[in-house]
Protein backbone atom coordinates (compact mmCIF):
# COMPACT_ATOMS: atom_id res chain seq x y z
CA MET A 1 39.67 12.30 -131.44
CA GLY A 2 39.63 14.91 -128.69
CA ARG A 3 36.20 13.82 -127.57
CA HIS A 4 37.27 10.16 -127.32
CA THR A 5 40.36 11.00 -125.24
CA TRP A 6 38.34 13.22 -122.93
CA GLY A 7 35.82 10.40 -122.30
CA ARG A 8 38.61 7.97 -121.34
CA ALA A 9 40.21 10.51 -119.01
CA ALA A 10 36.90 11.25 -117.27
CA ALA A 11 36.16 7.54 -116.88
CA GLY A 12 39.65 6.96 -115.47
CA ILE A 13 39.25 9.77 -112.94
CA ALA A 14 35.81 8.48 -111.87
CA LEU A 15 37.19 4.96 -111.43
CA ALA A 16 40.15 6.22 -109.39
CA ALA A 17 37.85 8.29 -107.16
CA ALA A 18 35.63 5.25 -106.54
CA VAL A 19 38.63 3.10 -105.60
CA ILE A 20 40.01 5.75 -103.25
CA SER A 21 36.68 6.38 -101.52
CA THR A 22 36.12 2.65 -101.03
CA ALA A 23 39.61 2.14 -99.65
CA SER A 24 39.28 5.06 -97.25
CA GLY A 25 35.94 3.86 -95.89
CA CYS A 26 33.82 6.61 -97.42
CA GLY A 27 30.39 5.68 -98.59
CA GLY A 28 29.99 2.67 -96.33
CA ASP A 29 29.42 1.66 -92.76
CA ALA A 30 32.77 1.99 -90.98
CA ASP A 31 31.90 -0.74 -88.46
CA VAL A 32 31.07 -3.21 -91.22
CA ASP A 33 34.28 -2.30 -93.07
CA LYS A 34 36.27 -3.18 -89.96
CA GLY A 35 34.50 -6.51 -89.61
CA GLN A 36 32.53 -5.39 -86.56
CA ALA A 37 28.84 -6.08 -86.33
CA LYS A 38 26.54 -3.51 -84.77
CA LYS A 39 25.52 -4.36 -81.24
CA PRO A 40 21.81 -4.97 -80.73
CA ALA A 41 19.99 -2.81 -78.22
CA ALA A 42 20.20 -4.16 -74.70
CA ALA A 43 17.17 -6.18 -73.70
CA ALA A 44 15.07 -4.74 -70.92
CA PRO A 45 15.26 -6.54 -67.60
CA SER A 46 12.08 -8.23 -66.50
CA PHE A 47 9.52 -5.92 -64.96
CA ALA A 48 9.68 -7.85 -61.67
CA LYS A 49 13.44 -7.40 -61.44
CA ALA A 50 13.42 -3.71 -62.46
CA SER A 51 10.59 -2.98 -60.05
CA LYS A 52 12.42 -4.65 -57.17
CA VAL A 53 15.66 -2.77 -57.90
CA PHE A 54 13.75 0.53 -58.11
CA GLN A 55 11.86 -0.07 -54.88
CA ASP A 56 15.08 -1.10 -53.11
CA LYS A 57 16.64 2.21 -54.23
CA VAL A 58 13.64 4.12 -52.87
CA ASP A 59 13.81 2.24 -49.57
CA SER A 60 17.53 2.94 -49.21
CA ASP A 61 17.12 6.71 -49.67
CA SER A 62 19.76 7.92 -47.24
CA CYS A 63 20.11 11.57 -48.15
CA GLN A 64 19.56 13.61 -44.99
CA SER A 65 21.63 16.70 -45.75
CA MET A 66 19.90 19.93 -46.65
CA GLU A 67 22.97 21.35 -48.41
CA PRO A 68 22.79 21.83 -52.19
CA ASP A 69 24.60 19.18 -54.27
CA SER A 70 24.94 16.83 -51.29
CA CYS A 71 22.39 14.34 -52.68
CA TRP A 72 23.13 14.53 -56.41
CA GLY A 73 24.58 11.00 -56.51
CA GLU A 74 21.50 9.51 -54.87
CA MET A 75 19.20 11.49 -57.15
CA THR A 76 21.10 10.35 -60.25
CA ALA A 77 21.06 6.69 -59.17
CA LEU A 78 17.33 6.89 -58.49
CA ILE A 79 16.63 8.39 -61.92
CA LYS A 80 18.78 5.74 -63.61
CA SER A 81 16.77 3.04 -61.85
CA ALA A 82 13.48 4.74 -62.83
CA ARG A 83 14.59 4.84 -66.49
CA THR A 84 15.40 1.12 -66.37
CA LEU A 85 11.98 0.54 -64.84
CA ARG A 86 10.32 2.50 -67.67
CA HIS A 87 12.27 0.42 -70.21
CA SER A 88 10.98 -2.78 -68.61
CA MET A 89 7.43 -1.36 -68.46
CA ASN A 90 7.65 -0.71 -72.22
CA SER A 91 8.60 -4.36 -72.74
CA GLU A 92 5.96 -5.83 -70.42
CA LYS A 93 3.28 -7.48 -72.57
CA SER A 94 0.90 -8.68 -69.84
CA VAL A 95 -0.79 -5.26 -69.65
CA SER A 96 -1.60 -2.56 -72.18
CA ALA A 97 0.45 0.60 -72.57
CA ASP A 98 -2.45 2.59 -71.10
CA PHE A 99 -1.98 0.75 -67.81
CA TRP A 100 1.34 2.57 -67.28
CA THR A 101 0.13 6.12 -68.02
CA GLU A 102 0.21 7.34 -64.42
CA ALA A 103 3.57 5.66 -63.73
CA TYR A 104 5.08 7.22 -66.86
CA SER A 105 3.84 10.62 -65.71
CA MET A 106 5.57 10.19 -62.33
CA ILE A 107 8.85 9.24 -63.99
CA ASP A 108 8.55 12.23 -66.35
CA THR A 109 8.08 14.55 -63.34
CA MET A 110 11.18 13.09 -61.70
CA GLU A 111 13.21 13.55 -64.90
CA GLU A 112 12.03 17.13 -65.37
CA ALA A 113 13.25 17.97 -61.87
CA MET A 114 16.66 16.60 -62.83
CA THR A 115 16.95 18.99 -65.78
CA GLU A 116 18.11 21.58 -63.27
CA GLY A 117 21.49 19.84 -63.57
CA SER A 118 22.20 19.75 -59.88
CA ASP A 119 20.73 19.09 -56.47
CA LEU A 120 19.22 22.38 -55.31
CA GLY A 121 19.21 21.33 -51.67
CA GLY A 122 16.47 20.59 -49.21
CA ALA A 123 13.82 22.94 -47.95
CA GLN A 124 14.74 24.25 -44.54
CA GLU A 125 12.46 24.39 -41.55
CA GLY A 126 12.38 27.15 -39.03
CA GLU A 127 11.17 30.55 -38.11
CA GLY A 128 12.03 33.36 -40.45
CA VAL A 129 12.56 31.09 -43.47
CA ASP A 130 10.84 32.36 -46.59
CA HIS A 131 9.54 29.02 -47.91
CA ALA A 132 8.29 30.65 -51.10
CA ALA A 133 11.84 31.73 -51.94
CA ILE A 134 13.30 28.25 -51.42
CA ARG A 135 13.30 26.11 -54.54
CA SER A 136 14.16 22.43 -54.26
CA ASN A 137 14.03 19.70 -56.86
CA ARG A 138 14.30 16.95 -54.26
CA ASP A 139 10.56 16.79 -53.64
CA GLU A 140 9.92 15.94 -57.29
CA VAL A 141 12.72 13.36 -57.41
CA PHE A 142 12.59 11.66 -54.01
CA GLY A 143 8.91 12.35 -53.37
CA GLY A 144 8.02 11.26 -56.89
CA ALA A 145 10.00 8.06 -56.41
CA HIS A 146 8.07 7.27 -53.22
CA ASP A 147 4.78 8.01 -55.01
CA LEU A 148 5.81 5.69 -57.86
CA ALA A 149 6.80 2.94 -55.41
CA ASP A 150 3.37 3.26 -53.76
CA TRP A 151 1.69 3.16 -57.17
CA LEU A 152 3.58 -0.02 -58.07
CA ASP A 153 2.44 -1.62 -54.82
CA GLU A 154 -1.17 -0.65 -55.54
CA HIS A 155 -1.08 -1.85 -59.16
CA PRO A 156 0.55 -5.29 -59.22
CA ILE A 157 0.71 -7.15 -62.51
CA LYS A 158 0.53 -10.89 -63.03
């Protein structure tokens, strides 16, 4: 008799635990439980559109200050545009992935320069300036963006 009672008690506890975990949302997708469907990943813009937006950003480079952190906003906007461009390059089916190798490398260089976390300022000209001691990440970001824009002009796709 003791064994039979114990089996019922254990089954009752297991059933209660299952009901409680289901009611509290454990063990399932919370978004589905709330009636919300997961959002699909955003589609990449066309390559032509992303390329134009990127090249417009490069052409509008207006950062003239040499002071650190004075161009961070422009650098961030340029990187965002380059990432969108890479996303559209990944989606472009008219050329192989190998076609983009050099362009991907340029974007990677730009992104690596941004890992500094801030705008390190521009290199200064003048007598007595120790150019070896001056470190700037702007050349990799802005210069890399200009190199990429030139590459895009030299490698049009149809």
